[in-house]
Amino acid sequence: MKKLAIAGLTMLLVETAAMSALAEKIPNDSPPNPSDTPGECPVVGYKVVTSSVLNLTIPDGNPAGVTTPPIQFNPDGTTIVDVVAELAIAHTWVGDLNVRLFYDHDCTPGTAPFGPVSLLCRQQLPGCPVDMCCGCSGDLSFTETYFWGTNGPNKEMAAGNQCPTAIAGGCYLVASESQFTFPLFSGLRKDGCWSLNLQDGADLDVGMLQSWKIHVANQTTTAIEPSSWGAVKAGFTQ
């Protein structure tokens, strides 16, 4: 019996030490600010990664569109709780645009990504067509910052017969026609590759993606404290 107790004790110490070492190698990320509602703006407490590619032209009247190079968080062993997308984008006639967000959880070329989540979807045009006119005529501007989140305080951009001349900045819901929404990414590893595809479905109005960001609220890792010899031994004295 004593040998079994010693063997069990040895295994417990080895497992405890291994888990403690693992925790030390995974840095903790701060959780979202408790005053934030996930998905709303501002995104205080969320981690952010910014694209290095600036001023990407959106091909005019091209259904294939353009896809951004991927952006990626550093690996830290955490998983996604919530996502907010931020775009610095200008385009005359927002109704031309489809903007779709993809996520490849392992950054492996050729594997199917998660999504897309459609941020813009040929606003006010059923089914997001890319080959007909016209949608909302409002303009996106670099003087504004546009966010999309799961609980955006604003409704879908330019929807519900709301089509101002200038599209105001702020936090919006994803397009109602989108097959997927941001909860699709919940629970996936945080260090995958994000990309955008931007389609311009009509001629004559042009635009540019100046930069973009992904904000992520992540699951927080918890370090495991190694047990003292006295605490472990006490468990075998009963």
C-alpha atoms as a PDB file:
ATOM      1  CA  MET A   1       0.000   0.000   0.000  1.00  0.00           C
ATOM      2  CA  LYS A   2       2.854   2.342   0.843  1.00  0.00           C
ATOM      3  CA  LYS A   3       4.444   1.699  -2.571  1.00  0.00           C
ATOM      4  CA  LEU A   4       1.156   2.515  -4.315  1.00  0.00           C
ATOM      5  CA  ALA A   5       0.855   5.751  -2.347  1.00  0.00           C
ATOM      6  CA  ILE A   6       4.419   6.757  -3.259  1.00  0.00           C
ATOM      7  CA  ALA A   7       3.833   5.933  -6.942  1.00  0.00           C
ATOM      8  CA  GLY A   8       0.637   7.967  -6.984  1.00  0.00           C
ATOM      9  CA  LEU A   9       2.368  10.819  -5.222  1.00  0.00           C
ATOM     10  CA  THR A  10       5.198  10.792  -7.777  1.00  0.00           C
ATOM     11  CA  MET A  11       2.748  10.935 -10.695  1.00  0.00           C
ATOM     12  CA  LEU A  12       0.866  13.800  -9.057  1.00  0.00           C
ATOM     13  CA  LEU A  13       4.047  15.806  -8.582  1.00  0.00           C
ATOM     14  CA  VAL A  14       5.160  15.191 -12.185  1.00  0.00           C
ATOM     15  CA  GLU A  15       1.752  16.239 -13.568  1.00  0.00           C
ATOM     16  CA  THR A  16       1.641  19.306 -11.318  1.00  0.00           C
ATOM     17  CA  ALA A  17       5.117  20.395 -12.371  1.00  0.00           C
ATOM     18  CA  ALA A  18       4.315  19.868 -16.065  1.00  0.00           C
ATOM     19  CA  MET A  19       1.077  21.876 -15.848  1.00  0.00           C
ATOM     20  CA  SER A  20       2.835  24.634 -13.958  1.00  0.00           C
ATOM     21  CA  ALA A  21       5.575  24.820 -16.598  1.00  0.00           C
ATOM     22  CA  LEU A  22       2.931  24.979 -19.338  1.00  0.00           C
ATOM     23  CA  ALA A  23       1.141  27.819 -17.588  1.00  0.00           C
ATOM     24  CA  GLU A  24       4.393  29.734 -17.301  1.00  0.00           C
ATOM     25  CA  LYS A  25       4.931  29.454 -21.063  1.00  0.00           C
ATOM     26  CA  ILE A  26       1.464  30.822 -21.860  1.00  0.00           C
ATOM     27  CA  PRO A  27       1.317  34.528 -20.990  1.00  0.00           C
ATOM     28  CA  ASN A  28      -1.976  35.786 -19.613  1.00  0.00           C
ATOM     29  CA  ASP A  29      -3.990  38.220 -21.730  1.00  0.00           C
ATOM     30  CA  SER A  30      -6.137  40.764 -19.984  1.00  0.00           C
ATOM     31  CA  PRO A  31      -9.870  40.028 -20.147  1.00  0.00           C
ATOM     32  CA  PRO A  32     -12.255  42.639 -21.605  1.00  0.00           C
ATOM     33  CA  ASN A  33     -13.018  45.619 -19.430  1.00  0.00           C
ATOM     34  CA  PRO A  34     -15.998  44.595 -17.260  1.00  0.00           C
ATOM     35  CA  SER A  35     -17.806  47.798 -18.237  1.00  0.00           C
ATOM     36  CA  ASP A  36     -17.786  46.780 -21.925  1.00  0.00           C
ATOM     37  CA  THR A  37     -20.599  44.870 -23.569  1.00  0.00           C
ATOM     38  CA  PRO A  38     -18.961  42.376 -25.975  1.00  0.00           C
ATOM     39  CA  GLY A  39     -19.230  43.544 -29.554  1.00  0.00           C
ATOM     40  CA  GLU A  40     -20.027  47.155 -28.764  1.00  0.00           C
ATOM     41  CA  CYS A  41     -17.717  50.097 -29.269  1.00  0.00           C
ATOM     42  CA  PRO A  42     -15.373  51.220 -27.874  1.00  0.00           C
ATOM     43  CA  VAL A  43     -13.435  47.977 -27.476  1.00  0.00           C
ATOM     44  CA  VAL A  44     -11.561  48.783 -24.277  1.00  0.00           C
ATOM     45  CA  GLY A  45      -9.724  45.726 -22.983  1.00  0.00           C
ATOM     46  CA  TYR A  46      -9.807  43.834 -26.291  1.00  0.00           C
ATOM     47  CA  LYS A  47      -6.537  42.794 -27.915  1.00  0.00           C
ATOM     48  CA  VAL A  48      -5.994  44.278 -31.377  1.00  0.00           C
ATOM     49  CA  VAL A  49      -3.998  43.419 -34.475  1.00  0.00           C
ATOM     50  CA  THR A  50      -3.628  45.915 -37.349  1.00  0.00           C
ATOM     51  CA  SER A  51      -3.021  45.264 -41.032  1.00  0.00           C
ATOM     52  CA  SER A  52       0.379  46.216 -42.401  1.00  0.00           C
ATOM     53  CA  VAL A  53      -1.026  46.731 -45.904  1.00  0.00           C
ATOM     54  CA  LEU A  54      -2.280  50.266 -46.419  1.00  0.00           C
ATOM     55  CA  ASN A  55      -4.324  51.914 -49.173  1.00  0.00           C
ATOM     56  CA  LEU A  56      -5.618  48.810 -50.948  1.00  0.00           C
ATOM     57  CA  THR A  57      -7.638  49.803 -54.029  1.00  0.00           C
ATOM     58  CA  ILE A  58     -11.023  48.103 -54.418  1.00  0.00           C
ATOM     59  CA  PRO A  59     -11.396  47.118 -58.105  1.00  0.00           C
ATOM     60  CA  ASP A  60     -14.338  48.979 -59.636  1.00  0.00           C
ATOM     61  CA  GLY A  61     -17.202  46.825 -60.916  1.00  0.00           C
ATOM     62  CA  ASN A  62     -15.248  43.608 -60.366  1.00  0.00           C
ATOM     63  CA  PRO A  63     -17.243  40.730 -58.823  1.00  0.00           C
ATOM     64  CA  ALA A  64     -14.032  38.888 -57.871  1.00  0.00           C
ATOM     65  CA  GLY A  65     -12.940  41.824 -55.748  1.00  0.00           C
ATOM     66  CA  VAL A  66      -9.685  41.896 -53.830  1.00  0.00           C
ATOM     67  CA  THR A  67      -8.546  39.883 -50.808  1.00  0.00           C
ATOM     68  CA  THR A  68      -6.283  41.363 -48.174  1.00  0.00           C
ATOM     69  CA  PRO A  69      -3.115  39.648 -46.962  1.00  0.00           C
ATOM     70  CA  PRO A  70      -3.877  37.894 -43.669  1.00  0.00           C
ATOM     71  CA  ILE A  71      -3.333  39.438 -40.255  1.00  0.00           C
ATOM     72  CA  GLN A  72      -2.608  37.314 -37.197  1.00  0.00           C
ATOM     73  CA  PHE A  73      -2.340  37.549 -33.411  1.00  0.00           C
ATOM     74  CA  ASN A  74       0.731  36.156 -31.701  1.00  0.00           C
ATOM     75  CA  PRO A  75       0.102  32.661 -30.307  1.00  0.00           C
ATOM     76  CA  ASP A  76      -0.642  32.644 -26.602  1.00  0.00           C
ATOM     77  CA  GLY A  77      -2.745  29.529 -26.101  1.00  0.00           C
ATOM     78  CA  THR A  78      -6.035  31.394 -25.653  1.00  0.00           C
ATOM     79  CA  THR A  79      -9.299  31.064 -27.547  1.00  0.00           C
ATOM     80  CA  ILE A  80     -11.714  33.637 -28.964  1.00  0.00           C
ATOM     81  CA  VAL A  81     -14.604  34.941 -26.900  1.00  0.00           C
ATOM     82  CA  ASP A  82     -15.710  37.870 -29.069  1.00  0.00           C
ATOM     83  CA  VAL A  83     -14.643  39.691 -32.247  1.00  0.00           C
ATOM     84  CA  VAL A  84     -15.008  43.268 -33.475  1.00  0.00           C
ATOM     85  CA  ALA A  85     -13.841  44.327 -36.967  1.00  0.00           C
ATOM     86  CA  GLU A  86     -12.641  47.897 -37.608  1.00  0.00           C
ATOM     87  CA  LEU A  87     -12.190  49.382 -41.084  1.00  0.00           C
ATOM     88  CA  ALA A  88     -10.740  52.655 -42.301  1.00  0.00           C
ATOM     89  CA  ILE A  89     -12.436  52.666 -45.696  1.00  0.00           C
ATOM     90  CA  ALA A  90     -13.621  55.203 -48.253  1.00  0.00           C
ATOM     91  CA  HIS A  91     -16.015  54.505 -51.108  1.00  0.00           C
ATOM     92  CA  THR A  92     -18.583  56.554 -52.983  1.00  0.00           C
ATOM     93  CA  TRP A  93     -21.938  54.746 -53.070  1.00  0.00           C
ATOM     94  CA  VAL A  94     -21.764  52.138 -50.290  1.00  0.00           C
ATOM     95  CA  GLY A  95     -24.445  50.122 -52.083  1.00  0.00           C
ATOM     96  CA  ASP A  96     -21.786  48.808 -54.467  1.00  0.00           C
ATOM     97  CA  LEU A  97     -19.916  46.920 -51.769  1.00  0.00           C
ATOM     98  CA  ASN A  98     -19.724  43.444 -50.365  1.00  0.00           C
ATOM     99  CA  VAL A  99     -17.168  43.124 -47.562  1.00  0.00           C
ATOM    100  CA  ARG A 100     -16.629  39.642 -46.142  1.00  0.00           C
ATOM    101  CA  LEU A 101     -14.502  38.517 -43.191  1.00  0.00           C
ATOM    102  CA  PHE A 102     -12.805  35.092 -43.184  1.00  0.00           C
ATOM    103  CA  TYR A 103     -10.851  33.276 -40.463  1.00  0.00           C
ATOM    104  CA  ASP A 104      -8.395  30.407 -40.978  1.00  0.00           C
ATOM    105  CA  HIS A 105      -7.825  29.003 -37.490  1.00  0.00           C
ATOM    106  CA  ASP A 106      -4.567  27.217 -38.412  1.00  0.00           C
ATOM    107  CA  CYS A 107      -3.316  29.516 -41.213  1.00  0.00           C
ATOM    108  CA  THR A 108      -2.961  26.548 -43.576  1.00  0.00           C
ATOM    109  CA  PRO A 109      -3.203  27.476 -47.287  1.00  0.00           C
ATOM    110  CA  GLY A 110      -5.783  25.426 -49.132  1.00  0.00           C
ATOM    111  CA  THR A 111      -7.924  24.605 -46.102  1.00  0.00           C
ATOM    112  CA  ALA A 112     -11.436  25.992 -45.881  1.00  0.00           C
ATOM    113  CA  PRO A 113     -11.639  29.070 -43.645  1.00  0.00           C
ATOM    114  CA  PHE A 114     -14.446  29.808 -41.209  1.00  0.00           C
ATOM    115  CA  GLY A 115     -17.034  32.226 -42.547  1.00  0.00           C
ATOM    116  CA  PRO A 116     -17.526  34.438 -44.264  1.00  0.00           C
ATOM    117  CA  VAL A 117     -19.225  36.937 -42.019  1.00  0.00           C
ATOM    118  CA  SER A 118     -20.609  39.636 -44.312  1.00  0.00           C
ATOM    119  CA  LEU A 119     -20.020  43.119 -42.915  1.00  0.00           C
ATOM    120  CA  LEU A 120     -21.447  44.894 -45.963  1.00  0.00           C
ATOM    121  CA  CYS A 121     -23.724  43.088 -48.366  1.00  0.00           C
ATOM    122  CA  ARG A 122     -24.738  45.323 -51.331  1.00  0.00           C
ATOM    123  CA  GLN A 123     -26.780  47.346 -48.862  1.00  0.00           C
ATOM    124  CA  GLN A 124     -30.543  47.270 -49.392  1.00  0.00           C
ATOM    125  CA  LEU A 125     -30.236  44.719 -52.209  1.00  0.00           C
ATOM    126  CA  PRO A 126     -31.691  41.272 -51.364  1.00  0.00           C
ATOM    127  CA  GLY A 127     -29.202  38.450 -51.696  1.00  0.00           C
ATOM    128  CA  CYS A 128     -26.120  40.695 -52.017  1.00  0.00           C
ATOM    129  CA  PRO A 129     -25.912  40.616 -55.833  1.00  0.00           C
ATOM    130  CA  VAL A 130     -22.619  41.674 -57.405  1.00  0.00           C
ATOM    131  CA  ASP A 131     -23.873  42.346 -60.932  1.00  0.00           C
ATOM    132  CA  MET A 132     -26.712  44.846 -60.714  1.00  0.00           C
ATOM    133  CA  CYS A 133     -27.552  48.368 -59.564  1.00  0.00           C
ATOM    134  CA  CYS A 134     -27.642  50.088 -57.108  1.00  0.00           C
ATOM    135  CA  GLY A 135     -28.222  49.966 -53.349  1.00  0.00           C
ATOM    136  CA  CYS A 136     -27.687  52.842 -50.935  1.00  0.00           C
ATOM    137  CA  SER A 137     -25.908  55.850 -52.462  1.00  0.00           C
ATOM    138  CA  GLY A 138     -24.315  57.011 -49.185  1.00  0.00           C
ATOM    139  CA  ASP A 139     -20.555  57.450 -48.992  1.00  0.00           C
ATOM    140  CA  LEU A 140     -17.951  55.934 -46.685  1.00  0.00           C
ATOM    141  CA  SER A 141     -15.183  58.307 -45.645  1.00  0.00           C
ATOM    142  CA  PHE A 142     -11.677  58.145 -44.159  1.00  0.00           C
ATOM    143  CA  THR A 143     -12.794  60.840 -41.706  1.00  0.00           C
ATOM    144  CA  GLU A 144     -14.985  58.209 -40.019  1.00  0.00           C
ATOM    145  CA  THR A 145     -14.110  54.918 -38.327  1.00  0.00           C
ATOM    146  CA  TYR A 146     -16.411  51.971 -38.902  1.00  0.00           C
ATOM    147  CA  PHE A 147     -16.784  48.995 -36.533  1.00  0.00           C
ATOM    148  CA  TRP A 148     -18.833  45.820 -36.788  1.00  0.00           C
ATOM    149  CA  GLY A 149     -19.693  43.784 -33.697  1.00  0.00           C
ATOM    150  CA  THR A 150     -22.115  41.215 -32.359  1.00  0.00           C
ATOM    151  CA  ASN A 151     -24.105  43.766 -30.353  1.00  0.00           C
ATOM    152  CA  GLY A 152     -23.508  46.967 -32.234  1.00  0.00           C
ATOM    153  CA  PRO A 153     -25.657  49.796 -30.866  1.00  0.00           C
ATOM    154  CA  ASN A 154     -26.427  50.840 -34.452  1.00  0.00           C
ATOM    155  CA  LYS A 155     -28.412  48.633 -36.789  1.00  0.00           C
ATOM    156  CA  GLU A 156     -27.106  47.234 -40.048  1.00  0.00           C
ATOM    157  CA  MET A 157     -25.343  49.917 -42.083  1.00  0.00           C
ATOM    158  CA  ALA A 158     -27.643  51.715 -44.552  1.00  0.00           C
ATOM    159  CA  ALA A 159     -30.489  49.282 -43.910  1.00  0.00           C
ATOM    160  CA  GLY A 160     -34.145  49.890 -43.168  1.00  0.00           C
ATOM    161  CA  ASN A 161     -34.496  52.612 -45.820  1.00  0.00           C
ATOM    162  CA  GLN A 162     -31.872  54.681 -43.989  1.00  0.00           C
ATOM    163  CA  CYS A 163     -29.492  56.033 -46.625  1.00  0.00           C
ATOM    164  CA  PRO A 164     -27.759  59.244 -45.535  1.00  0.00           C
ATOM    165  CA  THR A 165     -25.479  61.104 -47.918  1.00  0.00           C
ATOM    166  CA  ALA A 166     -22.539  60.394 -45.602  1.00  0.00           C
ATOM    167  CA  ILE A 167     -22.385  57.129 -43.677  1.00  0.00           C
ATOM    168  CA  ALA A 168     -21.626  57.970 -40.051  1.00  0.00           C
ATOM    169  CA  GLY A 169     -18.882  56.178 -38.184  1.00  0.00           C
ATOM    170  CA  GLY A 170     -19.698  53.931 -35.265  1.00  0.00           C
ATOM    171  CA  CYS A 171     -20.405  50.308 -34.481  1.00  0.00           C
ATOM    172  CA  TYR A 172     -22.791  48.399 -36.737  1.00  0.00           C
ATOM    173  CA  LEU A 173     -24.361  44.977 -36.888  1.00  0.00           C
ATOM    174  CA  VAL A 174     -23.261  42.655 -39.679  1.00  0.00           C
ATOM    175  CA  ALA A 175     -25.447  42.455 -42.770  1.00  0.00           C
ATOM    176  CA  SER A 176     -28.754  40.723 -42.139  1.00  0.00           C
ATOM    177  CA  GLU A 177     -28.148  38.609 -45.257  1.00  0.00           C
ATOM    178  CA  SER A 178     -24.930  37.196 -43.799  1.00  0.00           C
ATOM    179  CA  GLN A 179     -25.035  33.407 -43.482  1.00  0.00           C
ATOM    180  CA  PHE A 180     -22.741  33.564 -40.439  1.00  0.00           C
ATOM    181  CA  THR A 181     -22.221  36.020 -37.577  1.00  0.00           C
ATOM    182  CA  PHE A 182     -19.332  36.648 -35.182  1.00  0.00           C
ATOM    183  CA  PRO A 183     -20.257  33.884 -32.685  1.00  0.00           C
ATOM    184  CA  LEU A 184     -19.021  31.506 -35.399  1.00  0.00           C
ATOM    185  CA  PHE A 185     -15.479  32.304 -34.227  1.00  0.00           C
ATOM    186  CA  SER A 186     -16.150  31.793 -30.513  1.00  0.00           C
ATOM    187  CA  GLY A 187     -13.960  29.077 -28.995  1.00  0.00           C
ATOM    188  CA  LEU A 188     -11.504  28.927 -31.900  1.00  0.00           C
ATOM    189  CA  ARG A 189      -7.810  29.443 -31.209  1.00  0.00           C
ATOM    190  CA  LYS A 190      -6.870  33.104 -31.245  1.00  0.00           C
ATOM    191  CA  ASP A 191      -3.707  32.944 -33.379  1.00  0.00           C
ATOM    192  CA  GLY A 192      -5.286  32.098 -36.741  1.00  0.00           C
ATOM    193  CA  CYS A 193      -5.278  34.242 -39.898  1.00  0.00           C
ATOM    194  CA  TRP A 194      -7.930  36.889 -40.609  1.00  0.00           C
ATOM    195  CA  SER A 195      -8.601  38.243 -44.107  1.00  0.00           C
ATOM    196  CA  LEU A 196     -11.118  40.446 -45.882  1.00  0.00           C
ATOM    197  CA  ASN A 197     -12.560  40.118 -49.361  1.00  0.00           C
ATOM    198  CA  LEU A 198     -13.965  43.340 -50.821  1.00  0.00           C
ATOM    199  CA  GLN A 199     -16.210  43.234 -53.899  1.00  0.00           C
ATOM    200  CA  ASP A 200     -17.458  46.225 -55.872  1.00  0.00           C
ATOM    201  CA  GLY A 201     -20.618  45.136 -57.673  1.00  0.00           C
ATOM    202  CA  ALA A 202     -21.177  48.153 -59.943  1.00  0.00           C
ATOM    203  CA  ASP A 203     -19.163  50.533 -62.128  1.00  0.00           C
ATOM    204  CA  LEU A 204     -18.360  54.243 -61.790  1.00  0.00           C
ATOM    205  CA  ASP A 205     -17.822  54.545 -58.037  1.00  0.00           C
ATOM    206  CA  VAL A 206     -14.443  53.716 -56.557  1.00  0.00           C
ATOM    207  CA  GLY A 207     -13.009  53.118 -53.134  1.00  0.00           C
ATOM    208  CA  MET A 208     -10.019  52.151 -51.043  1.00  0.00           C
ATOM    209  CA  LEU A 209      -9.320  50.229 -47.856  1.00  0.00           C
ATOM    210  CA  GLN A 210      -6.782  52.345 -46.016  1.00  0.00           C
ATOM    211  CA  SER A 211      -6.274  49.901 -43.138  1.00  0.00           C
ATOM    212  CA  TRP A 212      -8.204  47.498 -40.955  1.00  0.00           C
ATOM    213  CA  LYS A 213      -8.056  45.884 -37.525  1.00  0.00           C
ATOM    214  CA  ILE A 214      -9.412  42.908 -35.648  1.00  0.00           C
ATOM    215  CA  HIS A 215     -10.224  43.290 -31.953  1.00  0.00           C
ATOM    216  CA  VAL A 216     -10.540  40.083 -29.938  1.00  0.00           C
ATOM    217  CA  ALA A 217     -11.729  39.375 -26.427  1.00  0.00           C
ATOM    218  CA  ASN A 218      -9.991  36.150 -25.475  1.00  0.00           C
ATOM    219  CA  GLN A 219     -10.290  33.479 -22.845  1.00  0.00           C
ATOM    220  CA  THR A 220      -7.825  34.203 -20.050  1.00  0.00           C
ATOM    221  CA  THR A 221      -5.294  31.538 -19.123  1.00  0.00           C
ATOM    222  CA  THR A 222      -4.832  30.749 -15.436  1.00  0.00           C
ATOM    223  CA  ALA A 223      -1.470  29.703 -14.067  1.00  0.00           C
ATOM    224  CA  ILE A 224      -1.421  26.560 -11.898  1.00  0.00           C
ATOM    225  CA  GLU A 225       0.459  26.963  -8.649  1.00  0.00           C
ATOM    226  CA  PRO A 226       2.719  24.037  -7.756  1.00  0.00           C
ATOM    227  CA  SER A 227       1.639  22.245  -4.575  1.00  0.00           C
ATOM    228  CA  SER A 228       3.982  22.240  -1.597  1.00  0.00           C
ATOM    229  CA  TRP A 229       5.394  18.956  -0.315  1.00  0.00           C
ATOM    230  CA  GLY A 230       3.552  19.429   2.962  1.00  0.00           C
ATOM    231  CA  ALA A 231       0.191  19.906   1.246  1.00  0.00           C
ATOM    232  CA  VAL A 232       0.671  16.820  -0.920  1.00  0.00           C
ATOM    233  CA  LYS A 233       1.895  14.677   1.979  1.00  0.00           C
ATOM    234  CA  ALA A 234      -1.061  15.737   4.087  1.00  0.00           C
ATOM    235  CA  GLY A 235      -3.347  14.144   1.527  1.00  0.00           C
ATOM    236  CA  PHE A 236      -1.846  10.736   2.200  1.00  0.00           C
ATOM    237  CA  THR A 237      -1.989  10.864   5.985  1.00  0.00           C
ATOM    238  CA  GLN A 238      -5.713  10.336   6.245  1.00  0.00           C
END
